[in-house]
Amino acid sequence: QVQLVESGGGLVQAGGSLRLSCAASGSISRLYVMAWYRQAPGKERELVAVITGGGMTKYADSEKGRFTISRDNSKNTVYLQMNTLKPEDTAVYYCAGRPGPWGPYDYWGQGTQVTVSS
């Protein structure tokens, strides 16, 4: 089993930056796909960014150019660098992982709150 723990959330002013971390209790090298999702109050959970074991990345349109996902398998950690934050980025951010290239995510973290003030 792999447990995922997010950190790095907090309160930031619009235009600011935060870096979220997702630390795994086990090796993330067996998790081919790692992703960040977010859920704002009253809204459904939405995909923010994805990274594969080969380093390929994909972003939601609203995050392109502002967010960067990366992974360090040696540290069993996935990161989400968030720049030029907007109030609409306010949400709980979740880390997720799965061993295969397709299908549902098997592992989820508990989430970290990001609040962007205007």
N, C-alpha and C. Protein backbone atom coordinates (compact mmCIF):
# COMPACT_ATOMS: atom_id res chain seq x y z
N GLN A 1 0.83 -1.19 0.00
CA GLN A 1 0.00 0.00 0.00
C GLN A 1 0.87 1.25 0.00
N VAL A 2 0.38 2.26 -0.65
CA VAL A 2 1.06 3.55 -0.68
C VAL A 2 0.14 4.58 -0.05
N GLN A 3 0.67 5.34 0.87
CA GLN A 3 -0.09 6.45 1.45
C GLN A 3 0.48 7.76 0.95
N LEU A 4 -0.40 8.68 0.60
CA LEU A 4 -0.01 9.97 0.06
C LEU A 4 -0.39 11.07 1.05
N VAL A 5 0.55 11.97 1.31
CA VAL A 5 0.31 13.06 2.26
C VAL A 5 0.70 14.37 1.59
N GLU A 6 -0.29 15.25 1.44
CA GLU A 6 -0.04 16.56 0.84
C GLU A 6 0.38 17.58 1.90
N SER A 7 1.15 18.56 1.46
CA SER A 7 1.54 19.67 2.31
C SER A 7 1.83 20.87 1.43
N GLY A 8 1.95 22.03 2.08
CA GLY A 8 2.33 23.23 1.35
C GLY A 8 1.20 24.20 1.07
N GLY A 9 -0.02 23.80 1.43
CA GLY A 9 -1.14 24.71 1.23
C GLY A 9 -1.10 25.87 2.22
N GLY A 10 -1.99 26.82 2.00
CA GLY A 10 -2.05 27.96 2.90
C GLY A 10 -2.81 29.11 2.29
N LEU A 11 -2.65 30.27 2.91
CA LEU A 11 -3.30 31.50 2.46
C LEU A 11 -2.29 32.36 1.72
N VAL A 12 -2.65 32.81 0.53
CA VAL A 12 -1.75 33.63 -0.26
C VAL A 12 -2.57 34.69 -0.99
N GLN A 13 -1.96 35.82 -1.25
CA GLN A 13 -2.66 36.87 -2.00
C GLN A 13 -2.65 36.55 -3.49
N ALA A 14 -3.62 37.09 -4.18
CA ALA A 14 -3.67 36.92 -5.62
C ALA A 14 -2.37 37.40 -6.26
N GLY A 15 -1.89 36.62 -7.21
CA GLY A 15 -0.62 36.91 -7.85
C GLY A 15 0.56 36.22 -7.21
N GLY A 16 0.33 35.64 -6.05
CA GLY A 16 1.40 34.96 -5.33
C GLY A 16 1.63 33.54 -5.80
N SER A 17 2.52 32.84 -5.11
CA SER A 17 2.89 31.48 -5.49
C SER A 17 2.87 30.56 -4.27
N LEU A 18 2.65 29.30 -4.56
CA LEU A 18 2.76 28.24 -3.56
C LEU A 18 3.31 27.01 -4.24
N ARG A 19 4.01 26.18 -3.47
CA ARG A 19 4.43 24.88 -3.97
C ARG A 19 3.86 23.80 -3.07
N LEU A 20 3.04 22.97 -3.65
CA LEU A 20 2.48 21.84 -2.93
C LEU A 20 3.38 20.62 -3.09
N SER A 21 3.43 19.82 -2.03
CA SER A 21 4.19 18.58 -2.08
C SER A 21 3.27 17.42 -1.74
N CYS A 22 3.56 16.29 -2.32
CA CYS A 22 2.82 15.06 -2.05
C CYS A 22 3.86 13.99 -1.76
N ALA A 23 3.96 13.63 -0.51
CA ALA A 23 4.96 12.65 -0.09
C ALA A 23 4.30 11.28 0.04
N ALA A 24 4.94 10.28 -0.52
CA ALA A 24 4.41 8.92 -0.47
C ALA A 24 5.14 8.11 0.59
N SER A 25 4.37 7.27 1.27
CA SER A 25 4.97 6.42 2.30
C SER A 25 5.80 5.30 1.68
N GLY A 26 5.42 4.92 0.46
CA GLY A 26 6.19 3.92 -0.26
C GLY A 26 6.77 4.51 -1.52
N SER A 27 7.30 3.67 -2.34
CA SER A 27 7.91 4.14 -3.57
C SER A 27 6.86 4.59 -4.57
N ILE A 28 7.04 5.79 -5.12
CA ILE A 28 6.11 6.25 -6.14
C ILE A 28 6.54 5.80 -7.52
N SER A 29 7.71 5.15 -7.59
CA SER A 29 8.15 4.70 -8.90
C SER A 29 7.20 3.65 -9.47
N ARG A 30 6.46 2.96 -8.57
CA ARG A 30 5.48 1.99 -9.03
C ARG A 30 4.16 2.64 -9.40
N LEU A 31 4.02 3.91 -9.12
CA LEU A 31 2.82 4.66 -9.50
C LEU A 31 3.13 5.38 -10.80
N TYR A 32 2.72 4.78 -11.89
CA TYR A 32 3.10 5.31 -13.20
C TYR A 32 2.53 6.71 -13.42
N VAL A 33 1.30 6.90 -12.99
CA VAL A 33 0.66 8.20 -13.17
C VAL A 33 0.41 8.83 -11.81
N MET A 34 0.84 10.07 -11.66
CA MET A 34 0.55 10.86 -10.48
C MET A 34 -0.18 12.12 -10.94
N ALA A 35 -1.10 12.56 -10.10
CA ALA A 35 -1.91 13.72 -10.50
C ALA A 35 -2.25 14.59 -9.32
N TRP A 36 -2.59 15.81 -9.64
CA TRP A 36 -3.17 16.73 -8.67
C TRP A 36 -4.59 17.06 -9.12
N TYR A 37 -5.51 16.96 -8.18
CA TYR A 37 -6.89 17.38 -8.37
C TYR A 37 -7.20 18.47 -7.38
N ARG A 38 -8.31 19.16 -7.59
CA ARG A 38 -8.76 20.14 -6.60
C ARG A 38 -10.28 20.14 -6.56
N GLN A 39 -10.78 20.56 -5.41
CA GLN A 39 -12.22 20.66 -5.23
C GLN A 39 -12.54 21.94 -4.49
N ALA A 40 -13.26 22.82 -5.15
CA ALA A 40 -13.70 24.07 -4.54
C ALA A 40 -15.05 23.85 -3.88
N PRO A 41 -15.40 24.67 -2.90
CA PRO A 41 -16.69 24.52 -2.23
C PRO A 41 -17.86 24.53 -3.20
N GLY A 42 -18.71 23.53 -3.08
CA GLY A 42 -19.89 23.46 -3.93
C GLY A 42 -19.63 22.99 -5.34
N LYS A 43 -18.39 22.60 -5.63
CA LYS A 43 -18.06 22.17 -6.99
C LYS A 43 -17.51 20.74 -6.96
N GLU A 44 -17.52 20.12 -8.15
CA GLU A 44 -16.98 18.78 -8.26
C GLU A 44 -15.45 18.82 -8.29
N ARG A 45 -14.86 17.68 -7.93
CA ARG A 45 -13.41 17.58 -7.99
C ARG A 45 -12.98 17.64 -9.45
N GLU A 46 -11.93 18.39 -9.73
CA GLU A 46 -11.46 18.54 -11.10
C GLU A 46 -9.97 18.30 -11.20
N LEU A 47 -9.57 17.80 -12.36
CA LEU A 47 -8.17 17.53 -12.61
C LEU A 47 -7.40 18.83 -12.81
N VAL A 48 -6.23 18.90 -12.17
CA VAL A 48 -5.37 20.07 -12.32
C VAL A 48 -4.19 19.74 -13.23
N ALA A 49 -3.48 18.66 -12.93
CA ALA A 49 -2.29 18.31 -13.69
C ALA A 49 -1.97 16.84 -13.49
N VAL A 50 -1.31 16.27 -14.50
CA VAL A 50 -0.93 14.86 -14.48
C VAL A 50 0.52 14.73 -14.91
N ILE A 51 1.23 13.75 -14.34
CA ILE A 51 2.58 13.45 -14.78
C ILE A 51 2.76 11.94 -14.79
N THR A 52 3.38 11.44 -15.87
CA THR A 52 3.62 10.00 -15.97
C THR A 52 5.01 9.66 -15.47
N GLY A 53 5.27 8.36 -15.38
CA GLY A 53 6.59 7.92 -14.97
C GLY A 53 7.68 8.36 -15.93
N GLY A 54 7.29 8.56 -17.20
CA GLY A 54 8.24 9.01 -18.20
C GLY A 54 8.41 10.51 -18.25
N GLY A 55 7.68 11.21 -17.40
CA GLY A 55 7.82 12.66 -17.32
C GLY A 55 6.88 13.45 -18.20
N MET A 56 5.98 12.76 -18.90
CA MET A 56 5.01 13.49 -19.71
C MET A 56 4.01 14.17 -18.78
N THR A 57 3.63 15.39 -19.14
CA THR A 57 2.71 16.16 -18.31
C THR A 57 1.50 16.64 -19.11
N LYS A 58 0.43 16.87 -18.36
CA LYS A 58 -0.79 17.39 -18.97
C LYS A 58 -1.44 18.28 -17.94
N TYR A 59 -2.00 19.40 -18.43
CA TYR A 59 -2.62 20.37 -17.53
C TYR A 59 -4.03 20.72 -17.99
N ALA A 60 -4.84 21.09 -17.02
CA ALA A 60 -6.13 21.67 -17.37
C ALA A 60 -5.87 23.02 -18.04
N ASP A 61 -6.74 23.41 -18.93
CA ASP A 61 -6.52 24.63 -19.71
C ASP A 61 -6.32 25.86 -18.83
N SER A 62 -7.05 25.95 -17.74
CA SER A 62 -6.96 27.13 -16.89
C SER A 62 -5.64 27.22 -16.14
N GLU A 63 -4.89 26.11 -16.09
CA GLU A 63 -3.63 26.11 -15.34
C GLU A 63 -2.40 26.16 -16.23
N LYS A 64 -2.60 26.00 -17.53
CA LYS A 64 -1.46 26.00 -18.44
C LYS A 64 -0.68 27.30 -18.32
N GLY A 65 0.62 27.17 -18.15
CA GLY A 65 1.48 28.34 -18.06
C GLY A 65 1.62 28.89 -16.66
N ARG A 66 0.73 28.49 -15.75
CA ARG A 66 0.81 28.99 -14.38
C ARG A 66 1.28 27.91 -13.40
N PHE A 67 0.86 26.67 -13.65
CA PHE A 67 1.20 25.57 -12.75
C PHE A 67 2.20 24.63 -13.41
N THR A 68 3.05 24.02 -12.59
CA THR A 68 4.01 23.04 -13.08
C THR A 68 4.01 21.83 -12.15
N ILE A 69 3.77 20.67 -12.71
CA ILE A 69 3.83 19.43 -11.94
C ILE A 69 5.17 18.76 -12.19
N SER A 70 5.73 18.18 -11.15
CA SER A 70 7.00 17.48 -11.28
C SER A 70 7.03 16.34 -10.27
N ARG A 71 7.94 15.41 -10.47
CA ARG A 71 8.06 14.30 -9.54
C ARG A 71 9.53 13.98 -9.33
N ASP A 72 9.85 13.59 -8.11
CA ASP A 72 11.20 13.17 -7.75
C ASP A 72 11.07 11.77 -7.16
N ASN A 73 11.30 10.77 -7.98
CA ASN A 73 11.12 9.40 -7.52
C ASN A 73 12.11 9.04 -6.40
N SER A 74 13.27 9.68 -6.40
CA SER A 74 14.25 9.38 -5.36
C SER A 74 13.78 9.85 -3.99
N LYS A 75 12.91 10.86 -3.99
CA LYS A 75 12.35 11.38 -2.75
C LYS A 75 10.90 10.94 -2.54
N ASN A 76 10.39 10.13 -3.47
CA ASN A 76 9.00 9.67 -3.39
C ASN A 76 8.04 10.84 -3.21
N THR A 77 8.26 11.87 -3.98
CA THR A 77 7.48 13.10 -3.82
C THR A 77 7.08 13.66 -5.19
N VAL A 78 5.86 14.16 -5.23
CA VAL A 78 5.35 14.87 -6.39
C VAL A 78 5.07 16.31 -5.97
N TYR A 79 5.34 17.24 -6.86
CA TYR A 79 5.18 18.64 -6.54
C TYR A 79 4.20 19.32 -7.50
N LEU A 80 3.61 20.39 -7.01
CA LEU A 80 2.82 21.27 -7.87
C LEU A 80 3.22 22.70 -7.56
N GLN A 81 3.96 23.29 -8.47
CA GLN A 81 4.34 24.69 -8.34
C GLN A 81 3.22 25.53 -8.94
N MET A 82 2.68 26.42 -8.14
CA MET A 82 1.56 27.25 -8.58
C MET A 82 1.96 28.72 -8.53
N ASN A 83 1.94 29.36 -9.69
CA ASN A 83 2.30 30.77 -9.79
C ASN A 83 1.12 31.59 -10.26
N THR A 84 1.23 32.88 -10.06
CA THR A 84 0.17 33.82 -10.48
C THR A 84 -1.20 33.31 -10.03
N LEU A 85 -1.29 33.01 -8.75
CA LEU A 85 -2.53 32.44 -8.23
C LEU A 85 -3.68 33.44 -8.29
N LYS A 86 -4.87 32.89 -8.50
CA LYS A 86 -6.09 33.68 -8.61
C LYS A 86 -7.08 33.23 -7.53
N PRO A 87 -7.99 34.10 -7.15
CA PRO A 87 -8.99 33.68 -6.15
C PRO A 87 -9.75 32.42 -6.56
N GLU A 88 -9.96 32.23 -7.84
CA GLU A 88 -10.67 31.04 -8.31
C GLU A 88 -9.85 29.76 -8.18
N ASP A 89 -8.58 29.88 -7.80
CA ASP A 89 -7.76 28.70 -7.52
C ASP A 89 -8.00 28.17 -6.10
N THR A 90 -8.77 28.91 -5.32
CA THR A 90 -9.07 28.48 -3.95
C THR A 90 -9.80 27.14 -3.96
N ALA A 91 -9.24 26.18 -3.25
CA ALA A 91 -9.80 24.83 -3.24
C ALA A 91 -8.98 23.95 -2.31
N VAL A 92 -9.48 22.76 -2.07
CA VAL A 92 -8.67 21.73 -1.44
C VAL A 92 -7.98 20.96 -2.57
N TYR A 93 -6.68 20.83 -2.47
CA TYR A 93 -5.89 20.17 -3.50
C TYR A 93 -5.52 18.75 -3.04
N TYR A 94 -5.76 17.80 -3.92
CA TYR A 94 -5.52 16.40 -3.62
C TYR A 94 -4.48 15.80 -4.56
N CYS A 95 -3.67 14.94 -4.01
CA CYS A 95 -2.71 14.17 -4.78
C CYS A 95 -3.30 12.78 -5.01
N ALA A 96 -3.04 12.22 -6.18
CA ALA A 96 -3.55 10.89 -6.51
C ALA A 96 -2.53 10.13 -7.33
N GLY A 97 -2.61 8.81 -7.26
CA GLY A 97 -1.68 7.99 -8.03
C GLY A 97 -2.28 6.67 -8.43
N ARG A 98 -1.79 6.13 -9.53
CA ARG A 98 -2.21 4.79 -9.97
C ARG A 98 -1.03 4.12 -10.65
N PRO A 99 -0.99 2.77 -10.57
CA PRO A 99 0.16 2.06 -11.13
C PRO A 99 0.14 1.93 -12.65
N GLY A 100 -1.04 1.99 -13.24
CA GLY A 100 -1.13 1.80 -14.68
C GLY A 100 -1.41 3.08 -15.42
N PRO A 101 -1.29 3.07 -16.73
CA PRO A 101 -1.51 4.27 -17.53
C PRO A 101 -2.98 4.66 -17.65
N TRP A 102 -3.88 3.72 -17.37
CA TRP A 102 -5.30 3.99 -17.52
C TRP A 102 -6.06 3.56 -16.28
N GLY A 103 -7.30 4.02 -16.19
CA GLY A 103 -8.17 3.58 -15.12
C GLY A 103 -8.24 4.55 -13.98
N PRO A 104 -9.00 4.16 -12.95
CA PRO A 104 -9.18 5.06 -11.80
C PRO A 104 -7.91 5.15 -10.97
N TYR A 105 -7.85 6.21 -10.18
CA TYR A 105 -6.72 6.38 -9.27
C TYR A 105 -6.95 5.51 -8.04
N ASP A 106 -5.94 4.74 -7.69
CA ASP A 106 -6.05 3.81 -6.56
C ASP A 106 -5.72 4.48 -5.23
N TYR A 107 -4.91 5.50 -5.28
CA TYR A 107 -4.42 6.12 -4.05
C TYR A 107 -4.70 7.62 -4.05
N TRP A 108 -5.18 8.10 -2.90
CA TRP A 108 -5.51 9.51 -2.73
C TRP A 108 -4.97 10.01 -1.41
N GLY A 109 -4.55 11.26 -1.40
CA GLY A 109 -4.19 11.90 -0.15
C GLY A 109 -5.41 12.54 0.50
N GLN A 110 -5.20 13.13 1.66
CA GLN A 110 -6.29 13.74 2.41
C GLN A 110 -6.59 15.16 1.96
N GLY A 111 -5.66 15.76 1.23
CA GLY A 111 -5.88 17.10 0.71
C GLY A 111 -5.22 18.18 1.53
N THR A 112 -4.93 19.29 0.87
CA THR A 112 -4.37 20.46 1.54
C THR A 112 -5.11 21.69 1.01
N GLN A 113 -5.47 22.58 1.93
CA GLN A 113 -6.28 23.75 1.58
C GLN A 113 -5.41 24.86 1.01
N VAL A 114 -5.84 25.39 -0.12
CA VAL A 114 -5.22 26.56 -0.72
C VAL A 114 -6.27 27.65 -0.78
N THR A 115 -5.96 28.80 -0.21
CA THR A 115 -6.88 29.93 -0.22
C THR A 115 -6.17 31.14 -0.81
N VAL A 116 -6.75 31.70 -1.85
CA VAL A 116 -6.16 32.85 -2.52
C VAL A 116 -7.07 34.06 -2.29
N SER A 117 -6.54 35.06 -1.64
CA SER A 117 -7.33 36.26 -1.35
C SER A 117 -7.16 37.29 -2.45
N SER A 118 -8.21 38.05 -2.67
CA SER A 118 -8.17 39.07 -3.73
C SER A 118 -7.64 40.39 -3.21
